[in-house]
Amino acid sequence: MTGGWQYALAGGVCAAVSHGIACPVDVVKTRQQTVPSYSGIQLHEGLARVVREEGASALLTGLKPTLLGYGIEGALKFGAYERVKAPLAALLVRLGAGGSALWLGPLLAGLLAGAIASLVVAPAEATRIRQVSDPDYAGAGMLGAAGLLFREEGPGGALVEAGAGGEASARLFRGVPATLAKQLPYTAAKQEVSSPTRPKQVSFDALSELFAAGPLPRWASTAAAAAAAAALSTLASQPGDALLSQVSCYSTEDGDLCVAPPPGGLAGLAERLGPRGLLAGFRARLVQMGLIVTLQLVLYDAVKAALGVR
């Protein structure tokens, strides 16, 4: 296979740009999940409130860790996905998977790529969430906020469960399990819909071809197929996103929505939050992920073409 670095570059560019553009929506969504006074308001109301109370620049809180974290994450995820999907499919064929290997290979490749990328994006997400939910971190800058988080809560504890042998620490890496709970279903759902090796009735290429048969330009047909991937990946990863915000957040308001994970780790936290808590910020996130996934796949398609790979 050729074009390894091109896939990584295309993935890094499209992930950084798409997540950066959606940053204002992410700010409101995160506050809906972590700040009590934001929990019952609509996205447009949250955007207006942030601008009114803190200025328009507050909508870009956490932008730097978002760009850095997801730029690296996208390079690793897309690069690894493109590298391993064909070998995995070939291995599955040799193991007797038959025609199922054509879609199971990309699915496993997406899960593997998502797991690798989660290790990188976890500290960036922890920094971003803390900047959005804690005013003391908002003005510290990316490196300052990450350093402050490191000094206050330590570097370890990625897999530590609260209540098991003492307090859970290290918000920089404590979010790794929650990040995996978010990123694995998100990546698998997005890559499955967008994979050209999926059965035609659900594949990204089939949707693109359907729209391309009409008067729409290439980018519009790609965007239509990407929107389907966005909807599916948002639904699949919503519980993990809510858990990640809880694990990494901090709020000074009365009635704080941020809670330390109870005994039982993520399973215990999910039980405490319940369906309502796990769906917190879903509408805003649907808009956010619609922007991110659609822009990401359209940009990825365009950048790959510009770099001479498919």
Protein backbone atom coordinates (compact mmCIF):
# COMPACT_ATOMS: atom_id res chain seq x y z
CA MET A 1 0.00 0.00 0.00
CA THR A 2 1.26 3.47 -0.84
CA GLY A 3 0.40 6.85 0.55
CA GLY A 4 0.82 6.24 4.28
CA TRP A 5 1.96 9.75 5.16
CA GLN A 6 -0.61 11.30 2.82
CA TYR A 7 -3.44 9.59 4.68
CA ALA A 8 -2.01 10.72 8.02
CA LEU A 9 -1.61 14.31 6.80
CA ALA A 10 -5.11 14.38 5.32
CA GLY A 11 -6.54 12.93 8.52
CA GLY A 12 -4.71 15.41 10.73
CA VAL A 13 -5.78 18.41 8.67
CA CYS A 14 -9.43 17.42 8.38
CA ALA A 15 -9.76 16.46 12.07
CA ALA A 16 -8.14 19.67 13.35
CA VAL A 17 -10.10 21.97 11.03
CA SER A 18 -13.47 20.28 11.57
CA HIS A 19 -13.18 20.16 15.37
CA GLY A 20 -11.88 23.74 15.43
CA ILE A 21 -14.84 25.07 13.46
CA ALA A 22 -17.24 23.30 15.83
CA CYS A 23 -15.51 24.67 18.96
CA PRO A 24 -18.28 27.20 19.87
CA VAL A 25 -20.89 24.44 19.83
CA ASP A 26 -18.57 22.23 21.88
CA VAL A 27 -18.26 24.95 24.53
CA VAL A 28 -22.03 25.11 25.02
CA LYS A 29 -22.44 21.33 24.84
CA THR A 30 -19.79 20.77 27.51
CA ARG A 31 -21.41 23.35 29.80
CA GLN A 32 -24.79 21.70 29.32
CA GLN A 33 -23.16 18.53 30.66
CA THR A 34 -21.20 20.13 33.50
CA VAL A 35 -22.65 23.52 34.54
CA PRO A 36 -26.08 23.46 36.24
CA SER A 37 -27.36 26.77 34.88
CA TYR A 38 -26.71 25.60 31.31
CA SER A 39 -28.38 22.20 31.65
CA GLY A 40 -31.87 23.27 30.59
CA ILE A 41 -31.17 25.75 27.82
CA GLN A 42 -31.10 25.34 24.04
CA LEU A 43 -27.97 25.61 21.93
CA HIS A 44 -28.76 29.06 20.53
CA GLU A 45 -29.56 30.31 24.03
CA GLY A 46 -26.26 28.95 25.31
CA LEU A 47 -24.30 30.59 22.50
CA ALA A 48 -25.99 33.93 23.16
CA ARG A 49 -25.41 33.66 26.91
CA VAL A 50 -21.69 32.96 26.54
CA VAL A 51 -21.28 35.97 24.23
CA ARG A 52 -23.37 38.20 26.51
CA GLU A 53 -21.65 37.25 29.76
CA GLU A 54 -18.08 36.52 28.65
CA GLY A 55 -17.61 37.92 25.17
CA ALA A 56 -17.42 36.21 21.79
CA SER A 57 -13.87 35.01 22.42
CA ALA A 58 -15.17 32.70 25.16
CA LEU A 59 -16.76 30.57 22.43
CA LEU A 60 -13.22 29.58 21.46
CA THR A 61 -12.26 28.40 24.96
CA GLY A 62 -10.23 25.23 24.60
CA LEU A 63 -9.52 25.81 20.90
CA LYS A 64 -5.76 25.21 21.14
CA PRO A 65 -5.94 21.81 22.84
CA THR A 66 -8.73 20.92 20.43
CA LEU A 67 -6.60 21.74 17.38
CA LEU A 68 -3.50 20.04 18.73
CA GLY A 69 -5.19 17.00 20.22
CA TYR A 70 -7.46 16.26 17.31
CA GLY A 71 -4.81 17.11 14.73
CA ILE A 72 -2.58 14.39 16.14
CA GLU A 73 -5.55 12.12 16.79
CA GLY A 74 -6.77 12.46 13.20
CA ALA A 75 -3.34 11.75 11.77
CA LEU A 76 -3.00 8.61 13.87
CA LYS A 77 -6.59 7.44 13.40
CA PHE A 78 -6.91 7.92 9.67
CA GLY A 79 -3.33 6.83 9.03
CA ALA A 80 -3.69 3.66 11.08
CA TYR A 81 -7.12 2.91 9.63
CA GLU A 82 -5.93 3.10 6.04
CA ARG A 83 -2.85 1.04 6.87
CA VAL A 84 -4.51 -1.87 8.64
CA LYS A 85 -7.96 -2.26 7.05
CA ALA A 86 -6.75 -4.23 4.01
CA PRO A 87 -4.38 -6.54 5.96
CA LEU A 88 -7.12 -7.19 8.53
CA ALA A 89 -9.62 -8.03 5.80
CA ALA A 90 -7.10 -10.39 4.18
CA LEU A 91 -6.44 -12.06 7.54
CA LEU A 92 -10.16 -12.53 8.12
CA VAL A 93 -10.52 -14.14 4.69
CA ARG A 94 -7.75 -16.61 5.56
CA LEU A 95 -9.54 -17.34 8.84
CA GLY A 96 -12.71 -18.21 6.94
CA ALA A 97 -14.75 -15.01 7.30
CA GLY A 98 -15.59 -15.02 3.60
CA GLY A 99 -17.54 -12.04 2.32
CA SER A 100 -17.99 -10.69 5.84
CA ALA A 101 -14.32 -9.73 5.80
CA LEU A 102 -15.13 -6.88 3.40
CA TRP A 103 -16.98 -4.97 6.13
CA LEU A 104 -15.60 -6.61 9.27
CA GLY A 105 -12.01 -5.68 8.33
CA PRO A 106 -12.75 -1.93 8.18
CA LEU A 107 -14.81 -2.19 11.38
CA LEU A 108 -11.93 -3.78 13.31
CA ALA A 109 -9.51 -1.32 11.72
CA GLY A 110 -11.68 1.56 12.93
CA LEU A 111 -11.78 0.17 16.46
CA LEU A 112 -8.00 -0.33 16.53
CA ALA A 113 -7.30 3.12 15.10
CA GLY A 114 -9.73 4.71 17.55
CA ALA A 115 -8.07 2.98 20.50
CA ILE A 116 -4.62 4.21 19.48
CA ALA A 117 -5.84 7.76 18.91
CA SER A 118 -7.71 7.84 22.23
CA LEU A 119 -4.44 7.66 24.15
CA VAL A 120 -3.34 10.88 22.48
CA VAL A 121 -6.59 12.82 22.60
CA ALA A 122 -7.41 12.02 26.27
CA PRO A 123 -5.10 14.65 27.86
CA ALA A 124 -6.14 17.24 25.27
CA GLU A 125 -9.81 16.60 26.02
CA ALA A 126 -9.17 16.74 29.77
CA THR A 127 -7.50 20.14 29.34
CA ARG A 128 -10.27 21.46 27.08
CA ILE A 129 -13.10 20.32 29.36
CA ARG A 130 -11.41 21.83 32.41
CA GLN A 131 -10.90 25.14 30.58
CA VAL A 132 -14.58 25.23 29.62
CA SER A 133 -15.96 24.24 33.04
CA ASP A 134 -13.50 25.97 35.41
CA PRO A 135 -12.94 29.76 35.13
CA ASP A 136 -9.54 29.42 36.82
CA TYR A 137 -8.31 27.40 33.86
CA ALA A 138 -10.03 29.33 31.07
CA GLY A 139 -7.43 32.09 30.90
CA ALA A 140 -4.38 29.93 31.52
CA GLY A 141 -3.76 28.96 27.90
CA MET A 142 -3.30 25.42 26.65
CA LEU A 143 0.11 24.68 28.16
CA GLY A 144 -0.67 26.60 31.33
CA ALA A 145 -3.94 24.74 31.86
CA ALA A 146 -2.35 21.36 31.15
CA GLY A 147 0.53 22.16 33.49
CA LEU A 148 -1.83 23.33 36.24
CA LEU A 149 -3.92 20.19 35.87
CA PHE A 150 -0.77 18.09 36.03
CA ARG A 151 0.51 19.85 39.15
CA GLU A 152 -2.81 19.73 40.98
CA GLU A 153 -3.87 16.19 40.16
CA GLY A 154 -0.82 14.28 38.98
CA PRO A 155 0.06 12.34 35.81
CA GLY A 156 -1.15 8.82 36.66
CA GLY A 157 -4.43 7.18 37.42
CA ALA A 158 -5.69 6.60 33.89
CA LEU A 159 -7.32 3.35 34.90
CA VAL A 160 -7.91 4.12 38.58
CA GLU A 161 -11.48 3.75 39.79
CA ALA A 162 -12.74 6.21 42.35
CA GLY A 163 -13.39 4.54 45.66
CA ALA A 164 -10.88 1.78 44.97
CA GLY A 165 -7.94 2.34 47.27
CA GLY A 166 -8.42 6.08 47.66
CA GLU A 167 -9.22 9.05 45.48
CA ALA A 168 -8.98 8.87 41.73
CA SER A 169 -6.34 11.25 40.41
CA ALA A 170 -4.86 12.51 37.21
CA ARG A 171 -7.57 14.11 35.17
CA LEU A 172 -5.04 14.45 32.36
CA PHE A 173 -5.13 10.69 31.78
CA ARG A 174 -8.00 9.54 33.98
CA GLY A 175 -10.27 10.13 31.01
CA VAL A 176 -8.68 7.39 28.90
CA PRO A 177 -11.37 4.76 29.64
CA ALA A 178 -14.15 7.32 29.05
CA THR A 179 -12.40 8.50 25.89
CA LEU A 180 -12.35 4.92 24.66
CA ALA A 181 -16.06 4.60 25.49
CA LYS A 182 -16.67 7.65 23.30
CA GLN A 183 -14.13 7.24 20.51
CA LEU A 184 -14.47 3.52 19.74
CA PRO A 185 -18.18 3.53 18.86
CA TYR A 186 -17.79 6.94 17.20
CA THR A 187 -14.92 5.80 15.00
CA ALA A 188 -16.45 2.44 14.19
CA ALA A 189 -19.82 3.95 13.24
CA LYS A 190 -18.29 6.73 11.16
CA GLN A 191 -15.82 4.51 9.35
CA GLU A 192 -18.39 1.79 8.72
CA VAL A 193 -20.82 4.14 7.01
CA SER A 194 -18.03 5.90 5.15
CA SER A 195 -16.18 2.74 4.10
CA PRO A 196 -16.48 1.87 0.40
CA THR A 197 -16.24 -1.83 1.31
CA ARG A 198 -19.54 -1.86 3.18
CA PRO A 199 -22.50 -3.55 1.48
CA LYS A 200 -23.93 -1.15 -1.05
CA GLN A 201 -27.19 -0.49 0.77
CA VAL A 202 -25.41 1.25 3.68
CA SER A 203 -22.07 2.34 2.25
CA PHE A 204 -20.78 5.88 1.98
CA ASP A 205 -19.95 5.30 -1.70
CA ALA A 206 -23.49 4.11 -2.45
CA LEU A 207 -24.94 7.28 -0.95
CA SER A 208 -22.39 9.41 -2.77
CA GLU A 209 -23.23 7.69 -6.06
CA LEU A 210 -26.94 8.22 -5.47
CA PHE A 211 -26.51 11.96 -5.10
CA ALA A 212 -23.80 12.15 -7.76
CA ALA A 213 -26.28 10.73 -10.29
CA GLY A 214 -28.20 13.98 -10.02
CA PRO A 215 -27.11 17.56 -10.64
CA LEU A 216 -25.18 17.88 -7.37
CA PRO A 217 -21.40 18.46 -7.50
CA ARG A 218 -18.96 15.94 -6.02
CA TRP A 219 -18.58 17.81 -2.71
CA ALA A 220 -22.37 17.90 -2.21
CA SER A 221 -22.78 14.16 -2.74
CA THR A 222 -19.90 13.53 -0.35
CA ALA A 223 -21.50 15.86 2.21
CA ALA A 224 -24.84 14.04 1.99
CA ALA A 225 -23.21 10.70 2.68
CA ALA A 226 -21.12 12.25 5.47
CA ALA A 227 -24.29 13.53 7.15
CA ALA A 228 -25.52 9.95 7.47
CA ALA A 229 -22.22 8.98 9.07
CA ALA A 230 -22.54 11.95 11.44
CA ALA A 231 -25.99 10.95 12.67
CA LEU A 232 -25.01 7.32 13.31
CA SER A 233 -21.70 8.14 14.99
CA THR A 234 -23.35 10.74 17.26
CA LEU A 235 -25.93 8.26 18.50
CA ALA A 236 -23.31 5.57 19.04
CA SER A 237 -20.91 7.74 21.04
CA GLN A 238 -23.25 9.98 23.07
CA PRO A 239 -23.04 7.98 26.35
CA GLY A 240 -19.24 7.95 26.20
CA ASP A 241 -19.15 11.70 25.56
CA ALA A 242 -21.31 12.40 28.62
CA LEU A 243 -19.12 10.13 30.75
CA LEU A 244 -15.95 11.86 29.50
CA SER A 245 -17.28 15.30 30.42
CA GLN A 246 -18.15 14.06 33.91
CA VAL A 247 -14.77 12.43 34.49
CA SER A 248 -12.85 15.54 33.39
CA CYS A 249 -15.07 18.42 34.48
CA TYR A 250 -15.03 20.88 37.33
CA SER A 251 -17.66 23.46 38.26
CA THR A 252 -17.89 26.02 41.06
CA GLU A 253 -21.66 26.55 40.79
CA ASP A 254 -24.14 25.39 43.42
CA GLY A 255 -25.78 22.13 42.41
CA ASP A 256 -22.58 21.07 40.65
CA LEU A 257 -23.24 18.57 37.87
CA CYS A 258 -19.66 17.29 38.02
CA VAL A 259 -19.35 14.15 40.11
CA ALA A 260 -16.41 11.91 40.96
CA PRO A 261 -16.85 8.41 39.54
CA PRO A 262 -18.38 6.19 42.25
CA PRO A 263 -17.14 2.68 43.06
CA GLY A 264 -17.53 0.65 39.92
CA GLY A 265 -15.77 3.13 37.65
CA LEU A 266 -17.54 4.10 34.44
CA ALA A 267 -20.30 1.54 34.93
CA GLY A 268 -21.12 3.04 38.33
CA LEU A 269 -20.97 6.57 36.93
CA ALA A 270 -23.29 5.62 34.05
CA GLU A 271 -25.74 4.13 36.55
CA ARG A 272 -25.65 7.30 38.66
CA LEU A 273 -26.19 9.57 35.66
CA GLY A 274 -29.05 7.49 34.27
CA PRO A 275 -30.54 7.93 30.79
CA ARG A 276 -31.18 11.65 31.32
CA GLY A 277 -27.60 12.36 32.34
CA LEU A 278 -26.13 10.25 29.54
CA LEU A 279 -28.19 12.21 27.01
CA ALA A 280 -27.19 15.62 28.40
CA GLY A 281 -26.12 17.96 25.60
CA PHE A 282 -27.32 15.57 22.90
CA ARG A 283 -29.04 18.17 20.72
CA ALA A 284 -26.03 20.47 20.77
CA ARG A 285 -23.77 17.51 20.13
CA LEU A 286 -25.87 16.43 17.16
CA VAL A 287 -25.20 19.83 15.60
CA GLN A 288 -21.54 19.67 16.63
CA MET A 289 -20.97 16.19 15.22
CA GLY A 290 -22.93 17.01 12.10
CA LEU A 291 -20.46 19.82 11.45
CA ILE A 292 -17.41 17.78 12.43
CA VAL A 293 -18.12 14.54 10.58
CA THR A 294 -19.47 16.20 7.45
CA LEU A 295 -16.56 18.64 7.22
CA GLN A 296 -14.11 15.91 8.16
CA LEU A 297 -15.12 13.46 5.47
CA VAL A 298 -15.52 16.14 2.80
CA LEU A 299 -12.10 17.61 3.65
CA TYR A 300 -10.51 14.16 3.88
CA ASP A 301 -11.81 13.31 0.43
CA ALA A 302 -10.54 16.62 -0.97
CA VAL A 303 -7.12 16.55 0.71
CA LYS A 304 -6.52 12.94 -0.36
CA ALA A 305 -7.31 13.90 -3.95
CA ALA A 306 -4.95 16.88 -3.72
CA LEU A 307 -2.20 14.60 -2.41
CA GLY A 308 -2.78 12.06 -5.17
CA VAL A 309 -4.20 9.19 -3.11
CA ARG A 310 -7.66 7.60 -2.93
